Amino acid sequence: DAILTWDGILQGHQRLQFMSCSDKIAVWNVVGIQGALLSHYIEPVYLE
């Protein structure tokens, strides 16, 4: 239940956190590397 809030970050109570590189690639292996914006135009592009 790690939830980041904008107020918490601005006030210094929280630090920004980002998912690890391997976790992001794992998600890309499901949704593709084209991202949400390009998915309006093209089908998912997967890493071979």
All heavy atoms as atom14 arrays in JSON, in Angstrom:
{
  "sequence": "DAILTWDGILQGHQRLQFMSCSDKIAVWNVVGIQGALLSHYIEPVYLE",
  "atom14_mask": [
    [1, 1, 1, 1, 1, 1, 1, 1, 0, 0, 0, 0, 0, 0],
    [1, 1, 1, 1, 1, 0, 0, 0, 0, 0, 0, 0, 0, 0],
    [1, 1, 1, 1, 1, 1, 1, 1, 0, 0, 0, 0, 0, 0],
    [1, 1, 1, 1, 1, 1, 1, 1, 0, 0, 0, 0, 0, 0],
    [1, 1, 1, 1, 1, 1, 1, 0, 0, 0, 0, 0, 0, 0],
    [1, 1, 1, 1, 1, 1, 1, 1, 1, 1, 1, 1, 1, 1],
    [1, 1, 1, 1, 1, 1, 1, 1, 0, 0, 0, 0, 0, 0],
    [1, 1, 1, 1, 0, 0, 0, 0, 0, 0, 0, 0, 0, 0],
    [1, 1, 1, 1, 1, 1, 1, 1, 0, 0, 0, 0, 0, 0],
    [1, 1, 1, 1, 1, 1, 1, 1, 0, 0, 0, 0, 0, 0],
    [1, 1, 1, 1, 1, 1, 1, 1, 1, 0, 0, 0, 0, 0],
    [1, 1, 1, 1, 0, 0, 0, 0, 0, 0, 0, 0, 0, 0],
    [1, 1, 1, 1, 1, 1, 1, 1, 1, 1, 0, 0, 0, 0],
    [1, 1, 1, 1, 1, 1, 1, 1, 1, 0, 0, 0, 0, 0],
    [1, 1, 1, 1, 1, 1, 1, 1, 1, 1, 1, 0, 0, 0],
    [1, 1, 1, 1, 1, 1, 1, 1, 0, 0, 0, 0, 0, 0],
    [1, 1, 1, 1, 1, 1, 1, 1, 1, 0, 0, 0, 0, 0],
    [1, 1, 1, 1, 1, 1, 1, 1, 1, 1, 1, 0, 0, 0],
    [1, 1, 1, 1, 1, 1, 1, 1, 0, 0, 0, 0, 0, 0],
    [1, 1, 1, 1, 1, 1, 0, 0, 0, 0, 0, 0, 0, 0],
    [1, 1, 1, 1, 1, 1, 0, 0, 0, 0, 0, 0, 0, 0],
    [1, 1, 1, 1, 1, 1, 0, 0, 0, 0, 0, 0, 0, 0],
    [1, 1, 1, 1, 1, 1, 1, 1, 0, 0, 0, 0, 0, 0],
    [1, 1, 1, 1, 1, 1, 1, 1, 1, 0, 0, 0, 0, 0],
    [1, 1, 1, 1, 1, 1, 1, 1, 0, 0, 0, 0, 0, 0],
    [1, 1, 1, 1, 1, 0, 0, 0, 0, 0, 0, 0, 0, 0],
    [1, 1, 1, 1, 1, 1, 1, 0, 0, 0, 0, 0, 0, 0],
    [1, 1, 1, 1, 1, 1, 1, 1, 1, 1, 1, 1, 1, 1],
    [1, 1, 1, 1, 1, 1, 1, 1, 0, 0, 0, 0, 0, 0],
    [1, 1, 1, 1, 1, 1, 1, 0, 0, 0, 0, 0, 0, 0],
    [1, 1, 1, 1, 1, 1, 1, 0, 0, 0, 0, 0, 0, 0],
    [1, 1, 1, 1, 0, 0, 0, 0, 0, 0, 0, 0, 0, 0],
    [1, 1, 1, 1, 1, 1, 1, 1, 0, 0, 0, 0, 0, 0],
    [1, 1, 1, 1, 1, 1, 1, 1, 1, 0, 0, 0, 0, 0],
    [1, 1, 1, 1, 0, 0, 0, 0, 0, 0, 0, 0, 0, 0],
    [1, 1, 1, 1, 1, 0, 0, 0, 0, 0, 0, 0, 0, 0],
    [1, 1, 1, 1, 1, 1, 1, 1, 0, 0, 0, 0, 0, 0],
    [1, 1, 1, 1, 1, 1, 1, 1, 0, 0, 0, 0, 0, 0],
    [1, 1, 1, 1, 1, 1, 0, 0, 0, 0, 0, 0, 0, 0],
    [1, 1, 1, 1, 1, 1, 1, 1, 1, 1, 0, 0, 0, 0],
    [1, 1, 1, 1, 1, 1, 1, 1, 1, 1, 1, 1, 0, 0],
    [1, 1, 1, 1, 1, 1, 1, 1, 0, 0, 0, 0, 0, 0],
    [1, 1, 1, 1, 1, 1, 1, 1, 1, 0, 0, 0, 0, 0],
    [1, 1, 1, 1, 1, 1, 1, 0, 0, 0, 0, 0, 0, 0],
    [1, 1, 1, 1, 1, 1, 1, 0, 0, 0, 0, 0, 0, 0],
    [1, 1, 1, 1, 1, 1, 1, 1, 1, 1, 1, 1, 0, 0],
    [1, 1, 1, 1, 1, 1, 1, 1, 0, 0, 0, 0, 0, 0],
    [1, 1, 1, 1, 1, 1, 1, 1, 1, 0, 0, 0, 0, 0]
  ],
  "atom14_positions": [
    [[0.82, -1.22, 0.0], [0.0, 0.0, 0.0], [0.85, 1.27, 0.0], [0.54, 2.24, 0.68], [-0.96, 0.03, 1.2], [-1.92, -1.16, 1.19], [-2.3, -1.59, 0.1], [-2.26, -1.65, 2.28], [0.0, 0.0, 0.0], [0.0, 0.0, 0.0], [0.0, 0.0, 0.0], [0.0, 0.0, 0.0], [0.0, 0.0, 0.0], [0.0, 0.0, 0.0]],
    [[1.95, 1.24, -0.78], [2.79, 2.43, -0.9], [2.14, 3.41, -1.87], [2.17, 3.2, -3.08], [4.19, 2.04, -1.38], [0.0, 0.0, 0.0], [0.0, 0.0, 0.0], [0.0, 0.0, 0.0], [0.0, 0.0, 0.0], [0.0, 0.0, 0.0], [0.0, 0.0, 0.0], [0.0, 0.0, 0.0], [0.0, 0.0, 0.0], [0.0, 0.0, 0.0]],
    [[1.53, 4.45, -1.35], [0.82, 5.43, -2.17], [1.52, 6.77, -2.06], [1.69, 7.3, -0.96], [-0.65, 5.55, -1.74], [-1.37, 4.19, -1.9], [-1.37, 6.62, -2.57], [-2.8, 4.21, -1.42], [0.0, 0.0, 0.0], [0.0, 0.0, 0.0], [0.0, 0.0, 0.0], [0.0, 0.0, 0.0], [0.0, 0.0, 0.0], [0.0, 0.0, 0.0]],
    [[1.93, 7.32, -3.19], [2.58, 8.63, -3.21], [1.53, 9.72, -3.43], [0.62, 9.55, -4.24], [3.62, 8.68, -4.32], [4.78, 7.69, -4.25], [5.71, 7.9, -5.44], [5.55, 7.85, -2.95], [0.0, 0.0, 0.0], [0.0, 0.0, 0.0], [0.0, 0.0, 0.0], [0.0, 0.0, 0.0], [0.0, 0.0, 0.0], [0.0, 0.0, 0.0]],
    [[1.68, 10.82, -2.72], [0.79, 11.96, -2.91], [1.61, 13.18, -3.27], [2.77, 13.33, -2.84], [-0.03, 12.26, -1.63], [0.86, 12.68, -0.58], [-0.81, 11.04, -1.18], [0.0, 0.0, 0.0], [0.0, 0.0, 0.0], [0.0, 0.0, 0.0], [0.0, 0.0, 0.0], [0.0, 0.0, 0.0], [0.0, 0.0, 0.0], [0.0, 0.0, 0.0]],
    [[1.02, 14.06, -4.07], [1.72, 15.26, -4.51], [2.05, 16.16, -3.32], [3.13, 16.71, -3.22], [0.86, 15.98, -5.53], [1.54, 17.11, -6.24], [1.14, 18.41, -6.29], [2.73, 17.05, -7.04], [2.0, 19.17, -7.06], [2.98, 18.35, -7.53], [3.61, 16.01, -7.38], [4.07, 18.64, -8.34], [4.7, 16.31, -8.19], [4.93, 17.61, -8.65]],
    [[1.09, 16.32, -2.4], [1.33, 17.15, -1.22], [2.44, 16.58, -0.36], [3.28, 17.31, 0.17], [0.04, 17.26, -0.39], [-1.0, 18.14, -1.06], [-0.63, 18.93, -1.95], [-2.19, 18.03, -0.7], [0.0, 0.0, 0.0], [0.0, 0.0, 0.0], [0.0, 0.0, 0.0], [0.0, 0.0, 0.0], [0.0, 0.0, 0.0], [0.0, 0.0, 0.0]],
    [[2.45, 15.24, -0.21], [3.49, 14.61, 0.6], [4.87, 14.84, 0.04], [5.84, 15.05, 0.79], [0.0, 0.0, 0.0], [0.0, 0.0, 0.0], [0.0, 0.0, 0.0], [0.0, 0.0, 0.0], [0.0, 0.0, 0.0], [0.0, 0.0, 0.0], [0.0, 0.0, 0.0], [0.0, 0.0, 0.0], [0.0, 0.0, 0.0], [0.0, 0.0, 0.0]],
    [[4.99, 14.84, -1.3], [6.29, 15.06, -1.93], [6.7, 16.52, -1.81], [7.85, 16.84, -1.47], [6.23, 14.63, -3.41], [6.06, 13.1, -3.5], [7.49, 15.06, -4.16], [5.79, 12.59, -4.89], [0.0, 0.0, 0.0], [0.0, 0.0, 0.0], [0.0, 0.0, 0.0], [0.0, 0.0, 0.0], [0.0, 0.0, 0.0], [0.0, 0.0, 0.0]],
    [[5.77, 17.45, -2.08], [6.09, 18.87, -2.01], [6.48, 19.3, -0.6], [7.34, 20.15, -0.41], [4.89, 19.7, -2.49], [4.56, 19.63, -3.98], [3.35, 20.5, -4.29], [5.75, 20.07, -4.83], [0.0, 0.0, 0.0], [0.0, 0.0, 0.0], [0.0, 0.0, 0.0], [0.0, 0.0, 0.0], [0.0, 0.0, 0.0], [0.0, 0.0, 0.0]],
    [[5.84, 18.7, 0.41], [6.11, 19.05, 1.79], [7.31, 18.3, 2.38], [7.7, 18.54, 3.52], [4.87, 18.8, 2.65], [3.69, 19.68, 2.28], [2.41, 19.3, 3.0], [2.44, 18.47, 3.93], [1.3, 19.87, 2.58], [0.0, 0.0, 0.0], [0.0, 0.0, 0.0], [0.0, 0.0, 0.0], [0.0, 0.0, 0.0], [0.0, 0.0, 0.0]],
    [[7.88, 17.41, 1.59], [9.07, 16.7, 2.03], [8.79, 15.49, 2.9], [9.73, 14.88, 3.43], [0.0, 0.0, 0.0], [0.0, 0.0, 0.0], [0.0, 0.0, 0.0], [0.0, 0.0, 0.0], [0.0, 0.0, 0.0], [0.0, 0.0, 0.0], [0.0, 0.0, 0.0], [0.0, 0.0, 0.0], [0.0, 0.0, 0.0], [0.0, 0.0, 0.0]],
    [[7.51, 15.11, 3.04], [7.18, 13.94, 3.85], [7.43, 12.64, 3.08], [7.57, 11.57, 3.69], [5.71, 14.0, 4.3], [5.36, 15.23, 5.08], [6.15, 15.71, 6.1], [4.32, 16.09, 4.97], [5.6, 16.8, 6.61], [4.5, 17.06, 5.93], [0.0, 0.0, 0.0], [0.0, 0.0, 0.0], [0.0, 0.0, 0.0], [0.0, 0.0, 0.0]],
    [[7.44, 12.72, 1.76], [7.67, 11.55, 0.92], [8.73, 11.87, -0.13], [8.93, 13.04, -0.48], [6.37, 11.11, 0.21], [5.28, 10.59, 1.13], [4.03, 10.21, 0.33], [3.57, 10.96, -0.53], [3.5, 9.03, 0.62], [0.0, 0.0, 0.0], [0.0, 0.0, 0.0], [0.0, 0.0, 0.0], [0.0, 0.0, 0.0], [0.0, 0.0, 0.0]],
    [[9.38, 10.83, -0.62], [10.31, 10.97, -1.73], [9.75, 10.21, -2.92], [9.12, 9.16, -2.76], [11.69, 10.42, -1.35], [12.37, 11.23, -0.26], [13.57, 10.48, 0.3], [14.64, 10.34, -0.68], [15.74, 9.62, -0.48], [15.89, 8.98, 0.68], [16.67, 9.53, -1.39], [0.0, 0.0, 0.0], [0.0, 0.0, 0.0], [0.0, 0.0, 0.0]],
    [[9.97, 10.77, -4.1], [9.49, 10.11, -5.3], [10.09, 8.71, -5.41], [11.26, 8.5, -5.12], [9.87, 10.92, -6.54], [8.88, 12.0, -7.01], [9.48, 12.76, -8.17], [7.55, 11.39, -7.4], [0.0, 0.0, 0.0], [0.0, 0.0, 0.0], [0.0, 0.0, 0.0], [0.0, 0.0, 0.0], [0.0, 0.0, 0.0], [0.0, 0.0, 0.0]],
    [[9.27, 7.76, -5.82], [9.73, 6.39, -6.05], [9.31, 5.97, -7.45], [8.24, 6.33, -7.93], [9.13, 5.44, -5.01], [9.57, 5.7, -3.59], [9.04, 4.66, -2.62], [8.99, 3.48, -2.93], [8.63, 5.11, -1.44], [0.0, 0.0, 0.0], [0.0, 0.0, 0.0], [0.0, 0.0, 0.0], [0.0, 0.0, 0.0], [0.0, 0.0, 0.0]],
    [[10.18, 5.21, -8.09], [9.92, 4.73, -9.43], [10.2, 3.23, -9.47], [11.12, 2.74, -8.82], [10.83, 5.44, -10.45], [10.75, 6.94, -10.38], [11.65, 7.66, -9.61], [9.78, 7.63, -11.08], [11.58, 9.04, -9.54], [9.7, 9.01, -11.02], [10.61, 9.72, -10.24], [0.0, 0.0, 0.0], [0.0, 0.0, 0.0], [0.0, 0.0, 0.0]],
    [[9.42, 2.52, -10.25], [9.61, 1.08, -10.35], [10.95, 0.77, -11.02], [11.46, 1.54, -11.84], [8.47, 0.45, -11.14], [7.09, 0.69, -10.54], [6.96, 0.24, -8.8], [7.31, -1.52, -8.87], [0.0, 0.0, 0.0], [0.0, 0.0, 0.0], [0.0, 0.0, 0.0], [0.0, 0.0, 0.0], [0.0, 0.0, 0.0], [0.0, 0.0, 0.0]],
    [[11.53, -0.36, -10.66], [12.84, -0.75, -11.18], [12.77, -1.03, -12.68], [11.7, -1.24, -13.25], [13.34, -2.01, -10.46], [12.57, -3.13, -10.84], [0.0, 0.0, 0.0], [0.0, 0.0, 0.0], [0.0, 0.0, 0.0], [0.0, 0.0, 0.0], [0.0, 0.0, 0.0], [0.0, 0.0, 0.0], [0.0, 0.0, 0.0], [0.0, 0.0, 0.0]],
    [[13.93, -1.02, -13.32], [14.0, -1.24, -14.76], [13.44, -2.6, -15.16], [12.69, -2.72, -16.14], [15.45, -1.11, -15.24], [16.15, 0.53, -14.98], [0.0, 0.0, 0.0], [0.0, 0.0, 0.0], [0.0, 0.0, 0.0], [0.0, 0.0, 0.0], [0.0, 0.0, 0.0], [0.0, 0.0, 0.0], [0.0, 0.0, 0.0], [0.0, 0.0, 0.0]],
    [[13.78, -3.65, -14.41], [13.3, -4.99, -14.77], [11.78, -5.09, -14.6], [11.12, -5.79, -15.37], [14.0, -6.06, -13.92], [13.82, -5.8, -12.54], [0.0, 0.0, 0.0], [0.0, 0.0, 0.0], [0.0, 0.0, 0.0], [0.0, 0.0, 0.0], [0.0, 0.0, 0.0], [0.0, 0.0, 0.0], [0.0, 0.0, 0.0], [0.0, 0.0, 0.0]],
    [[11.22, -4.38, -13.61], [9.77, -4.39, -13.45], [9.09, -3.68, -14.63], [8.05, -4.13, -15.12], [9.38, -3.69, -12.14], [9.78, -4.49, -10.91], [9.94, -5.72, -11.03], [9.94, -3.89, -9.84], [0.0, 0.0, 0.0], [0.0, 0.0, 0.0], [0.0, 0.0, 0.0], [0.0, 0.0, 0.0], [0.0, 0.0, 0.0], [0.0, 0.0, 0.0]],
    [[9.68, -2.58, -15.07], [9.11, -1.87, -16.22], [9.14, -2.72, -17.48], [8.19, -2.76, -18.26], [9.86, -0.56, -16.44], [9.64, 0.49, -15.36], [10.45, 1.73, -15.63], [10.24, 2.78, -14.54], [11.06, 3.99, -14.77], [0.0, 0.0, 0.0], [0.0, 0.0, 0.0], [0.0, 0.0, 0.0], [0.0, 0.0, 0.0], [0.0, 0.0, 0.0]],
    [[10.26, -3.44, -17.69], [10.36, -4.3, -18.87], [9.34, -5.43, -18.78], [8.76, -5.85, -19.8], [11.79, -4.84, -19.02], [12.77, -3.68, -19.27], [11.88, -5.84, -20.17], [14.22, -4.1, -19.32], [0.0, 0.0, 0.0], [0.0, 0.0, 0.0], [0.0, 0.0, 0.0], [0.0, 0.0, 0.0], [0.0, 0.0, 0.0], [0.0, 0.0, 0.0]],
    [[9.1, -5.94, -17.57], [8.09, -6.99, -17.4], [6.73, -6.5, -17.84], [5.97, -7.23, -18.5], [8.05, -7.45, -15.94], [0.0, 0.0, 0.0], [0.0, 0.0, 0.0], [0.0, 0.0, 0.0], [0.0, 0.0, 0.0], [0.0, 0.0, 0.0], [0.0, 0.0, 0.0], [0.0, 0.0, 0.0], [0.0, 0.0, 0.0], [0.0, 0.0, 0.0]],
    [[6.39, -5.26, -17.5], [5.11, -4.69, -17.94], [5.12, -4.47, -19.45], [4.12, -4.7, -20.13], [4.81, -3.38, -17.19], [3.57, -2.69, -17.74], [4.61, -3.66, -15.7], [0.0, 0.0, 0.0], [0.0, 0.0, 0.0], [0.0, 0.0, 0.0], [0.0, 0.0, 0.0], [0.0, 0.0, 0.0], [0.0, 0.0, 0.0], [0.0, 0.0, 0.0]],
    [[6.26, -4.03, -20.0], [6.35, -3.86, -21.46], [6.1, -5.19, -22.17], [5.59, -5.21, -23.29], [7.72, -3.33, -21.86], [8.0, -1.94, -21.41], [7.11, -1.03, -20.9], [9.27, -1.28, -21.4], [7.73, 0.14, -20.59], [9.07, 0.02, -20.88], [10.55, -1.67, -21.77], [10.1, 0.94, -20.74], [11.58, -0.76, -21.62], [11.36, 0.53, -21.12]],
    [[6.46, -6.3, -21.52], [6.22, -7.6, -22.13], [4.74, -7.97, -22.13], [4.36, -9.02, -22.64], [7.03, -8.68, -21.41], [8.4, -8.87, -22.03], [8.57, -8.73, -23.24], [9.39, -9.18, -21.21], [0.0, 0.0, 0.0], [0.0, 0.0, 0.0], [0.0, 0.0, 0.0], [0.0, 0.0, 0.0], [0.0, 0.0, 0.0], [0.0, 0.0, 0.0]],
    [[3.92, -7.11, -21.56], [2.46, -7.29, -21.6], [1.8, -6.21, -22.45], [0.99, -6.5, -23.32], [1.86, -7.28, -20.18], [0.33, -7.32, -20.23], [2.37, -8.47, -19.38], [0.0, 0.0, 0.0], [0.0, 0.0, 0.0], [0.0, 0.0, 0.0], [0.0, 0.0, 0.0], [0.0, 0.0, 0.0], [0.0, 0.0, 0.0], [0.0, 0.0, 0.0]],
    [[2.17, -4.96, -22.22], [1.48, -3.85, -22.9], [2.23, -3.37, -24.14], [1.67, -2.6, -24.94], [1.26, -2.67, -21.94], [0.45, -3.1, -20.74], [2.59, -2.05, -21.49], [0.0, 0.0, 0.0], [0.0, 0.0, 0.0], [0.0, 0.0, 0.0], [0.0, 0.0, 0.0], [0.0, 0.0, 0.0], [0.0, 0.0, 0.0], [0.0, 0.0, 0.0]],
    [[3.5, -3.75, -24.32], [4.29, -3.29, -25.45], [5.12, -2.08, -25.09], [4.92, -1.45, -24.05], [0.0, 0.0, 0.0], [0.0, 0.0, 0.0], [0.0, 0.0, 0.0], [0.0, 0.0, 0.0], [0.0, 0.0, 0.0], [0.0, 0.0, 0.0], [0.0, 0.0, 0.0], [0.0, 0.0, 0.0], [0.0, 0.0, 0.0], [0.0, 0.0, 0.0]],
    [[6.08, -1.74, -25.94], [7.0, -0.63, -25.66], [6.54, 0.67, -26.31], [7.19, 1.7, -26.16], [8.42, -0.97, -26.15], [8.44, -1.18, -27.67], [8.97, -2.17, -25.43], [9.83, -1.36, -28.24], [0.0, 0.0, 0.0], [0.0, 0.0, 0.0], [0.0, 0.0, 0.0], [0.0, 0.0, 0.0], [0.0, 0.0, 0.0], [0.0, 0.0, 0.0]],
    [[5.42, 0.65, -27.02], [4.97, 1.85, -27.74], [4.34, 2.89, -26.82], [4.23, 4.06, -27.18], [3.98, 1.47, -28.83], [2.57, 1.15, -28.36], [2.49, -0.14, -27.56], [3.28, -1.05, -27.75], [1.52, -0.22, -26.66], [0.0, 0.0, 0.0], [0.0, 0.0, 0.0], [0.0, 0.0, 0.0], [0.0, 0.0, 0.0], [0.0, 0.0, 0.0]],
    [[3.94, 2.49, -25.62], [3.34, 3.43, -24.69], [1.87, 3.68, -24.97], [1.32, 3.24, -25.99], [0.0, 0.0, 0.0], [0.0, 0.0, 0.0], [0.0, 0.0, 0.0], [0.0, 0.0, 0.0], [0.0, 0.0, 0.0], [0.0, 0.0, 0.0], [0.0, 0.0, 0.0], [0.0, 0.0, 0.0], [0.0, 0.0, 0.0], [0.0, 0.0, 0.0]],
    [[1.22, 4.39, -24.06], [-0.22, 4.63, -24.17], [-0.55, 5.53, -25.36], [-1.53, 5.28, -26.08], [-0.74, 5.25, -22.87], [0.0, 0.0, 0.0], [0.0, 0.0, 0.0], [0.0, 0.0, 0.0], [0.0, 0.0, 0.0], [0.0, 0.0, 0.0], [0.0, 0.0, 0.0], [0.0, 0.0, 0.0], [0.0, 0.0, 0.0], [0.0, 0.0, 0.0]],
    [[0.25, 6.57, -25.59], [-0.08, 7.52, -26.65], [-0.07, 6.86, -28.03], [-1.01, 7.01, -28.81], [0.89, 8.71, -26.62], [0.88, 9.56, -25.34], [1.83, 10.75, -25.49], [-0.52, 10.05, -24.99], [0.0, 0.0, 0.0], [0.0, 0.0, 0.0], [0.0, 0.0, 0.0], [0.0, 0.0, 0.0], [0.0, 0.0, 0.0], [0.0, 0.0, 0.0]],
    [[0.98, 6.13, -28.34], [1.06, 5.48, -29.66], [0.07, 4.34, -29.81], [-0.27, 3.97, -30.93], [2.48, 4.96, -29.9], [3.46, 5.92, -30.58], [4.79, 5.24, -30.8], [2.9, 6.42, -31.91], [0.0, 0.0, 0.0], [0.0, 0.0, 0.0], [0.0, 0.0, 0.0], [0.0, 0.0, 0.0], [0.0, 0.0, 0.0], [0.0, 0.0, 0.0]],
    [[-0.41, 3.79, -28.68], [-1.36, 2.67, -28.79], [-2.69, 3.12, -29.37], [-3.52, 2.3, -29.74], [-1.58, 2.02, -27.41], [-2.25, 2.9, -26.53], [0.0, 0.0, 0.0], [0.0, 0.0, 0.0], [0.0, 0.0, 0.0], [0.0, 0.0, 0.0], [0.0, 0.0, 0.0], [0.0, 0.0, 0.0], [0.0, 0.0, 0.0], [0.0, 0.0, 0.0]],
    [[-2.92, 4.44, -29.48], [-4.1, 4.95, -30.19], [-4.02, 4.6, -31.67], [-5.05, 4.53, -32.35], [-4.21, 6.47, -30.03], [-4.67, 6.91, -28.68], [-5.93, 6.65, -28.19], [-4.03, 7.63, -27.71], [-6.06, 7.18, -26.99], [-4.92, 7.77, -26.66], [0.0, 0.0, 0.0], [0.0, 0.0, 0.0], [0.0, 0.0, 0.0], [0.0, 0.0, 0.0]],
    [[-2.79, 4.42, -32.19], [-2.59, 4.24, -33.62], [-2.18, 2.83, -34.02], [-2.55, 2.36, -35.09], [-1.48, 5.19, -34.11], [-1.75, 6.64, -33.91], [-1.16, 7.32, -32.86], [-2.6, 7.33, -34.77], [-1.4, 8.67, -32.67], [-2.84, 8.68, -34.58], [-2.24, 9.34, -33.53], [-2.49, 10.67, -33.33], [0.0, 0.0, 0.0], [0.0, 0.0, 0.0]],
    [[-1.39, 2.18, -33.2], [-0.79, 0.92, -33.6], [-1.03, -0.16, -32.56], [-1.34, 0.12, -31.41], [0.73, 1.07, -33.84], [1.42, 1.5, -32.53], [1.01, 2.08, -34.95], [2.94, 1.61, -32.65], [0.0, 0.0, 0.0], [0.0, 0.0, 0.0], [0.0, 0.0, 0.0], [0.0, 0.0, 0.0], [0.0, 0.0, 0.0], [0.0, 0.0, 0.0]],
    [[-0.88, -1.4, -32.98], [-0.98, -2.53, -32.07], [0.3, -2.61, -31.24], [1.32, -1.99, -31.58], [-1.2, -3.82, -32.86], [-2.54, -3.86, -33.57], [-2.78, -5.18, -34.28], [-1.84, -6.02, -34.3], [-3.88, -5.38, -34.82], [0.0, 0.0, 0.0], [0.0, 0.0, 0.0], [0.0, 0.0, 0.0], [0.0, 0.0, 0.0], [0.0, 0.0, 0.0]],
    [[0.28, -3.37, -30.14], [1.46, -3.44, -29.27], [2.72, -3.87, -30.02], [2.68, -4.73, -30.88], [1.05, -4.5, -28.23], [-0.43, -4.47, -28.22], [-0.85, -4.16, -29.63], [0.0, 0.0, 0.0], [0.0, 0.0, 0.0], [0.0, 0.0, 0.0], [0.0, 0.0, 0.0], [0.0, 0.0, 0.0], [0.0, 0.0, 0.0], [0.0, 0.0, 0.0]],
    [[3.83, -3.23, -29.67], [5.15, -3.57, -30.22], [5.94, -4.22, -29.1], [6.2, -3.6, -28.07], [5.88, -2.31, -30.72], [7.28, -2.68, -31.22], [5.08, -1.61, -31.8], [0.0, 0.0, 0.0], [0.0, 0.0, 0.0], [0.0, 0.0, 0.0], [0.0, 0.0, 0.0], [0.0, 0.0, 0.0], [0.0, 0.0, 0.0], [0.0, 0.0, 0.0]],
    [[6.32, -5.5, -29.29], [6.98, -6.25, -28.22], [8.46, -6.43, -28.5], [8.9, -6.5, -29.65], [6.32, -7.62, -28.07], [4.92, -7.56, -27.51], [3.83, -7.95, -28.28], [4.68, -7.13, -26.21], [2.54, -7.89, -27.77], [3.4, -7.08, -25.68], [2.33, -7.47, -26.47], [1.06, -7.4, -25.95], [0.0, 0.0, 0.0], [0.0, 0.0, 0.0]],
    [[9.23, -6.51, -27.42], [10.66, -6.78, -27.52], [10.87, -8.22, -27.97], [10.35, -9.15, -27.35], [11.34, -6.58, -26.16], [11.41, -5.15, -25.62], [11.87, -5.17, -24.16], [12.35, -4.3, -26.46], [0.0, 0.0, 0.0], [0.0, 0.0, 0.0], [0.0, 0.0, 0.0], [0.0, 0.0, 0.0], [0.0, 0.0, 0.0], [0.0, 0.0, 0.0]],
    [[11.63, -8.41, -29.04], [11.93, -9.76, -29.49], [13.05, -10.37, -28.66], [13.04, -11.57, -28.37], [12.32, -9.76, -30.97], [12.6, -11.15, -31.52], [12.83, -11.14, -33.01], [12.51, -10.14, -33.67], [13.35, -12.16, -33.52], [0.0, 0.0, 0.0], [0.0, 0.0, 0.0], [0.0, 0.0, 0.0], [0.0, 0.0, 0.0], [0.0, 0.0, 0.0]]
  ]
}
